[in-house]
PDB file of N, CA and C in Angstrom:
ATOM      1  N   MET A   1      56.314  92.963 -88.976  1.00  0.00           N
ATOM      2  CA  MET A   1      57.595  93.422 -88.713  1.00  0.00           C
ATOM      3  C   MET A   1      58.663  92.316 -88.908  1.00  0.00           C
ATOM      4  N   SER A   2      59.658  92.469 -89.691  1.00  0.00           N
ATOM      5  CA  SER A   2      60.637  91.438 -89.910  1.00  0.00           C
ATOM      6  C   SER A   2      61.780  91.718 -89.095  1.00  0.00           C
ATOM      7  N   GLU A   3      62.256  90.800 -88.384  1.00  0.00           N
ATOM      8  CA  GLU A   3      63.399  90.939 -87.338  1.00  0.00           C
ATOM      9  C   GLU A   3      64.665  90.628 -88.193  1.00  0.00           C
ATOM     10  N   LYS A   4      65.707  91.542 -88.004  1.00  0.00           N
ATOM     11  CA  LYS A   4      66.957  91.285 -88.839  1.00  0.00           C
ATOM     12  C   LYS A   4      67.751  90.316 -88.036  1.00  0.00           C
ATOM     13  N   ILE A   5      68.391  89.337 -88.811  1.00  0.00           N
ATOM     14  CA  ILE A   5      69.197  88.277 -88.295  1.00  0.00           C
ATOM     15  C   ILE A   5      70.566  88.702 -88.626  1.00  0.00           C
ATOM     16  N   LEU A   6      71.533  88.613 -87.606  1.00  0.00           N
ATOM     17  CA  LEU A   6      72.905  88.915 -87.905  1.00  0.00           C
ATOM     18  C   LEU A   6      73.646  87.628 -88.073  1.00  0.00           C
ATOM     19  N   ARG A   7      74.353  87.611 -89.116  1.00  0.00           N
ATOM     20  CA  ARG A   7      75.327  86.411 -89.345  1.00  0.00           C
ATOM     21  C   ARG A   7      76.660  86.767 -88.754  1.00  0.00           C
ATOM     22  N   TRP A   8      77.535  85.916 -88.648  1.00  0.00           N
ATOM     23  CA  TRP A   8      78.736  86.166 -87.910  1.00  0.00           C
ATOM     24  C   TRP A   8      79.517  87.473 -88.305  1.00  0.00           C
ATOM     25  N   PRO A   9      79.707  87.728 -89.529  1.00  0.00           N
ATOM     26  CA  PRO A   9      80.481  88.988 -89.918  1.00  0.00           C
ATOM     27  C   PRO A   9      79.800  90.289 -89.247  1.00  0.00           C
ATOM     28  N   ASP A  10      78.476  90.318 -89.286  1.00  0.00           N
ATOM     29  CA  ASP A  10      77.820  91.449 -88.670  1.00  0.00           C
ATOM     30  C   ASP A  10      77.743  91.474 -87.199  1.00  0.00           C
ATOM     31  N   LEU A  11      77.728  90.216 -86.590  1.00  0.00           N
ATOM     32  CA  LEU A  11      77.787  90.193 -85.191  1.00  0.00           C
ATOM     33  C   LEU A  11      79.140  90.499 -84.656  1.00  0.00           C
ATOM     34  N   LYS A  12      80.190  90.113 -85.422  1.00  0.00           N
ATOM     35  CA  LYS A  12      81.668  90.372 -85.044  1.00  0.00           C
ATOM     36  C   LYS A  12      81.874  91.944 -84.940  1.00  0.00           C
ATOM     37  N   LYS A  13      81.208  92.753 -85.924  1.00  0.00           N
ATOM     38  CA  LYS A  13      81.219  94.175 -85.819  1.00  0.00           C
ATOM     39  C   LYS A  13      80.661  94.800 -84.651  1.00  0.00           C
ATOM     40  N   LYS A  14      79.578  94.191 -84.114  1.00  0.00           N
ATOM     41  CA  LYS A  14      78.876  94.652 -82.940  1.00  0.00           C
ATOM     42  C   LYS A  14      79.568  94.340 -81.769  1.00  0.00           C
ATOM     43  N   VAL A  15      80.015  93.018 -81.663  1.00  0.00           N
ATOM     44  CA  VAL A  15      80.673  92.434 -80.474  1.00  0.00           C
ATOM     45  C   VAL A  15      81.955  91.774 -80.951  1.00  0.00           C
ATOM     46  N   PRO A  16      83.089  92.468 -80.905  1.00  0.00           N
ATOM     47  CA  PRO A  16      84.317  92.013 -81.471  1.00  0.00           C
ATOM     48  C   PRO A  16      85.057  91.240 -80.527  1.00  0.00           C
ATOM     49  N   VAL A  17      84.579  89.882 -80.354  1.00  0.00           N
ATOM     50  CA  VAL A  17      85.196  88.773 -79.784  1.00  0.00           C
ATOM     51  C   VAL A  17      85.287  87.520 -80.608  1.00  0.00           C
ATOM     52  N   SER A  18      85.925  86.561 -80.193  1.00  0.00           N
ATOM     53  CA  SER A  18      86.112  85.397 -80.933  1.00  0.00           C
ATOM     54  C   SER A  18      84.892  84.519 -80.916  1.00  0.00           C
ATOM     55  N   HIS A  19      84.761  83.627 -81.900  1.00  0.00           N
ATOM     56  CA  HIS A  19      83.685  82.611 -81.977  1.00  0.00           C
ATOM     57  C   HIS A  19      83.528  81.786 -80.725  1.00  0.00           C
ATOM     58  N   VAL A  20      84.702  81.483 -80.104  1.00  0.00           N
ATOM     59  CA  VAL A  20      84.705  80.606 -79.018  1.00  0.00           C
ATOM     60  C   VAL A  20      84.189  81.452 -77.804  1.00  0.00           C
ATOM     61  N   THR A  21      84.489  82.678 -77.699  1.00  0.00           N
ATOM     62  CA  THR A  21      83.994  83.544 -76.638  1.00  0.00           C
ATOM     63  C   THR A  21      82.483  83.498 -76.765  1.00  0.00           C
ATOM     64  N   ILE A  22      81.959  83.889 -77.848  1.00  0.00           N
ATOM     65  CA  ILE A  22      80.485  83.813 -78.028  1.00  0.00           C
ATOM     66  C   ILE A  22      79.865  82.474 -77.628  1.00  0.00           C
ATOM     67  N   TRP A  23      80.516  81.449 -78.209  1.00  0.00           N
ATOM     68  CA  TRP A  23      79.950  80.159 -77.847  1.00  0.00           C
ATOM     69  C   TRP A  23      79.844  79.880 -76.331  1.00  0.00           C
ATOM     70  N   ARG A  24      80.908  80.297 -75.634  1.00  0.00           N
ATOM     71  CA  ARG A  24      80.944  80.028 -74.207  1.00  0.00           C
ATOM     72  C   ARG A  24      79.990  80.892 -73.490  1.00  0.00           C
ATOM     73  N   TRP A  25      79.751  82.176 -74.000  1.00  0.00           N
ATOM     74  CA  TRP A  25      78.718  83.056 -73.327  1.00  0.00           C
ATOM     75  C   TRP A  25      77.382  82.415 -73.525  1.00  0.00           C
ATOM     76  N   GLU A  26      77.089  81.956 -74.785  1.00  0.00           N
ATOM     77  CA  GLU A  26      75.784  81.271 -75.102  1.00  0.00           C
ATOM     78  C   GLU A  26      75.587  80.067 -74.130  1.00  0.00           C
ATOM     79  N   LYS A  27      76.590  79.344 -74.138  1.00  0.00           N
ATOM     80  CA  LYS A  27      76.577  78.055 -73.374  1.00  0.00           C
ATOM     81  C   LYS A  27      76.109  78.383 -71.829  1.00  0.00           C
ATOM     82  N   ASP A  28      76.785  79.467 -71.267  1.00  0.00           N
ATOM     83  CA  ASP A  28      76.571  79.789 -70.017  1.00  0.00           C
ATOM     84  C   ASP A  28      75.347  80.734 -69.750  1.00  0.00           C
ATOM     85  N   GLY A  29      74.763  80.960 -70.809  1.00  0.00           N
ATOM     86  CA  GLY A  29      73.466  81.792 -70.625  1.00  0.00           C
ATOM     87  C   GLY A  29      73.772  83.350 -70.537  1.00  0.00           C
ATOM     88  N   HIS A  30      75.033  83.782 -70.911  1.00  0.00           N
ATOM     89  CA  HIS A  30      75.277  85.188 -70.764  1.00  0.00           C
ATOM     90  C   HIS A  30      75.245  85.962 -72.081  1.00  0.00           C
ATOM     91  N   PHE A  31      74.764  85.291 -73.084  1.00  0.00           N
ATOM     92  CA  PHE A  31      74.566  85.885 -74.406  1.00  0.00           C
ATOM     93  C   PHE A  31      73.398  85.291 -75.132  1.00  0.00           C
ATOM     94  N   PRO A  32      72.803  86.093 -76.039  1.00  0.00           N
ATOM     95  CA  PRO A  32      71.684  85.524 -76.604  1.00  0.00           C
ATOM     96  C   PRO A  32      71.944  84.212 -77.540  1.00  0.00           C
ATOM     97  N   LYS A  33      70.925  83.256 -77.477  1.00  0.00           N
ATOM     98  CA  LYS A  33      71.176  82.084 -78.219  1.00  0.00           C
ATOM     99  C   LYS A  33      71.071  82.389 -79.675  1.00  0.00           C
ATOM    100  N   ARG A  34      71.930  81.667 -80.405  1.00  0.00           N
ATOM    101  CA  ARG A  34      71.743  81.723 -81.939  1.00  0.00           C
ATOM    102  C   ARG A  34      70.560  80.908 -82.471  1.00  0.00           C
ATOM    103  N   ILE A  35      70.127  81.325 -83.723  1.00  0.00           N
ATOM    104  CA  ILE A  35      68.971  80.589 -84.261  1.00  0.00           C
ATOM    105  C   ILE A  35      69.661  79.795 -85.466  1.00  0.00           C
ATOM    106  N   GLN A  36      69.198  78.516 -85.457  1.00  0.00           N
ATOM    107  CA  GLN A  36      69.600  77.754 -86.580  1.00  0.00           C
ATOM    108  C   GLN A  36      68.820  78.105 -87.779  1.00  0.00           C
ATOM    109  N   LEU A  37      69.489  78.390 -88.865  1.00  0.00           N
ATOM    110  CA  LEU A  37      68.853  78.772 -90.221  1.00  0.00           C
ATOM    111  C   LEU A  37      68.720  77.667 -91.081  1.00  0.00           C
ATOM    112  N   GLY A  38      69.510  76.687 -90.874  1.00  0.00           N
ATOM    113  CA  GLY A  38      69.665  75.596 -91.672  1.00  0.00           C
ATOM    114  C   GLY A  38      70.922  74.872 -91.638  1.00  0.00           C
ATOM    115  N   GLY A  39      71.144  73.590 -92.149  1.00  0.00           N
ATOM    116  CA  GLY A  39      72.404  73.030 -92.102  1.00  0.00           C
ATOM    117  C   GLY A  39      73.472  73.497 -91.258  1.00  0.00           C
ATOM    118  N   ASN A  40      74.431  74.196 -91.717  1.00  0.00           N
ATOM    119  CA  ASN A  40      75.519  74.836 -90.987  1.00  0.00           C
ATOM    120  C   ASN A  40      75.319  76.323 -90.887  1.00  0.00           C
ATOM    121  N   SER A  41      74.101  76.916 -90.891  1.00  0.00           N
ATOM    122  CA  SER A  41      73.963  78.141 -91.030  1.00  0.00           C
ATOM    123  C   SER A  41      73.210  78.641 -89.612  1.00  0.00           C
ATOM    124  N   ALA A  42      73.697  79.702 -88.975  1.00  0.00           N
ATOM    125  CA  ALA A  42      73.026  80.216 -87.880  1.00  0.00           C
ATOM    126  C   ALA A  42      73.258  81.636 -87.854  1.00  0.00           C
ATOM    127  N   GLY A  43      72.309  82.372 -86.887  1.00  0.00           N
ATOM    128  CA  GLY A  43      72.464  83.762 -86.902  1.00  0.00           C
ATOM    129  C   GLY A  43      71.903  84.183 -85.521  1.00  0.00           C
ATOM    130  N   TRP A  44      71.769  85.510 -85.143  1.00  0.00           N
ATOM    131  CA  TRP A  44      71.436  86.008 -83.923  1.00  0.00           C
ATOM    132  C   TRP A  44      70.414  87.136 -84.289  1.00  0.00           C
ATOM    133  N   LEU A  45      69.333  87.210 -83.385  1.00  0.00           N
ATOM    134  CA  LEU A  45      68.475  88.414 -83.636  1.00  0.00           C
ATOM    135  C   LEU A  45      69.033  89.663 -83.146  1.00  0.00           C
ATOM    136  N   GLU A  46      69.116  90.643 -84.024  1.00  0.00           N
ATOM    137  CA  GLU A  46      69.759  91.841 -83.798  1.00  0.00           C
ATOM    138  C   GLU A  46      69.244  92.464 -82.582  1.00  0.00           C
ATOM    139  N   SER A  47      67.801  92.559 -82.363  1.00  0.00           N
ATOM    140  CA  SER A  47      67.228  93.092 -81.239  1.00  0.00           C
ATOM    141  C   SER A  47      67.728  92.520 -79.902  1.00  0.00           C
ATOM    142  N   GLU A  48      67.943  91.180 -79.938  1.00  0.00           N
ATOM    143  CA  GLU A  48      68.441  90.538 -78.699  1.00  0.00           C
ATOM    144  C   GLU A  48      69.943  90.935 -78.310  1.00  0.00           C
ATOM    145  N   VAL A  49      70.639  91.090 -79.411  1.00  0.00           N
ATOM    146  CA  VAL A  49      72.152  91.451 -79.346  1.00  0.00           C
ATOM    147  C   VAL A  49      72.177  92.856 -78.811  1.00  0.00           C
ATOM    148  N   ASP A  50      71.326  93.754 -79.457  1.00  0.00           N
ATOM    149  CA  ASP A  50      71.391  95.200 -79.028  1.00  0.00           C
ATOM    150  C   ASP A  50      70.906  95.423 -77.597  1.00  0.00           C
ATOM    151  N   ASP A  51      69.911  94.575 -77.158  1.00  0.00           N
ATOM    152  CA  ASP A  51      69.448  94.644 -75.787  1.00  0.00           C
ATOM    153  C   ASP A  51      70.600  94.102 -74.785  1.00  0.00           C
ATOM    154  N   TRP A  52      71.307  93.138 -75.273  1.00  0.00           N
ATOM    155  CA  TRP A  52      72.467  92.480 -74.555  1.00  0.00           C
ATOM    156  C   TRP A  52      73.502  93.706 -74.212  1.00  0.00           C
ATOM    157  N   ILE A  53      73.886  94.298 -75.473  1.00  0.00           N
ATOM    158  CA  ILE A  53      74.834  95.389 -75.374  1.00  0.00           C
ATOM    159  C   ILE A  53      74.442  96.593 -74.395  1.00  0.00           C
ATOM    160  N   GLU A  54      73.101  96.896 -74.537  1.00  0.00           N
ATOM    161  CA  GLU A  54      72.542  98.117 -73.659  1.00  0.00           C
ATOM    162  C   GLU A  54      72.623  97.557 -72.246  1.00  0.00           C
ATOM    163  N   GLN A  55      72.333  96.376 -71.817  1.00  0.00           N
ATOM    164  CA  GLN A  55      72.385  95.966 -70.521  1.00  0.00           C
ATOM    165  C   GLN A  55      73.814  95.986 -69.924  1.00  0.00           C
ATOM    166  N   ARG A  56      74.894  95.672 -70.858  1.00  0.00           N
ATOM    167  CA  ARG A  56      76.306  95.886 -70.464  1.00  0.00           C
ATOM    168  C   ARG A  56      76.757  97.135 -70.048  1.00  0.00           C
ATOM    169  N   ALA A  57      76.227  98.091 -71.013  1.00  0.00           N
ATOM    170  CA  ALA A  57      76.351  99.540 -70.794  1.00  0.00           C
ATOM    171  C   ALA A  57      75.853 100.058 -69.426  1.00  0.00           C
ATOM    172  N   ALA A  58      74.564  99.591 -69.222  1.00  0.00           N
ATOM    173  CA  ALA A  58      73.837  99.987 -67.992  1.00  0.00           C
ATOM    174  C   ALA A  58      74.578  99.464 -66.831  1.00  0.00           C
ATOM    175  N   GLU A  59      75.143  98.339 -66.784  1.00  0.00           N
ATOM    176  CA  GLU A  59      75.820  97.886 -65.567  1.00  0.00           C
ATOM    177  C   GLU A  59      77.124  98.537 -65.155  1.00  0.00           C
ATOM    178  N   ARG A  60      77.786  99.136 -66.082  1.00  0.00           N
ATOM    179  CA  ARG A  60      79.119  99.743 -65.729  1.00  0.00           C
ATOM    180  C   ARG A  60      78.928 100.933 -64.852  1.00  0.00           C
TER     181      ARG A  60
END
């Protein structure tokens, strides 16, 4: 099974907040960590982002 990796434009559609907010959440351990794909390229595992969204919905 191949895992889909979300790049910033796709992540922004799922979690519409700024780069800085995502960075802060990652730093504080409140959001899945990005995966370095190379040089200046990074992405997030879609399954981890979806799980994070589901957790937020369950907490409300």
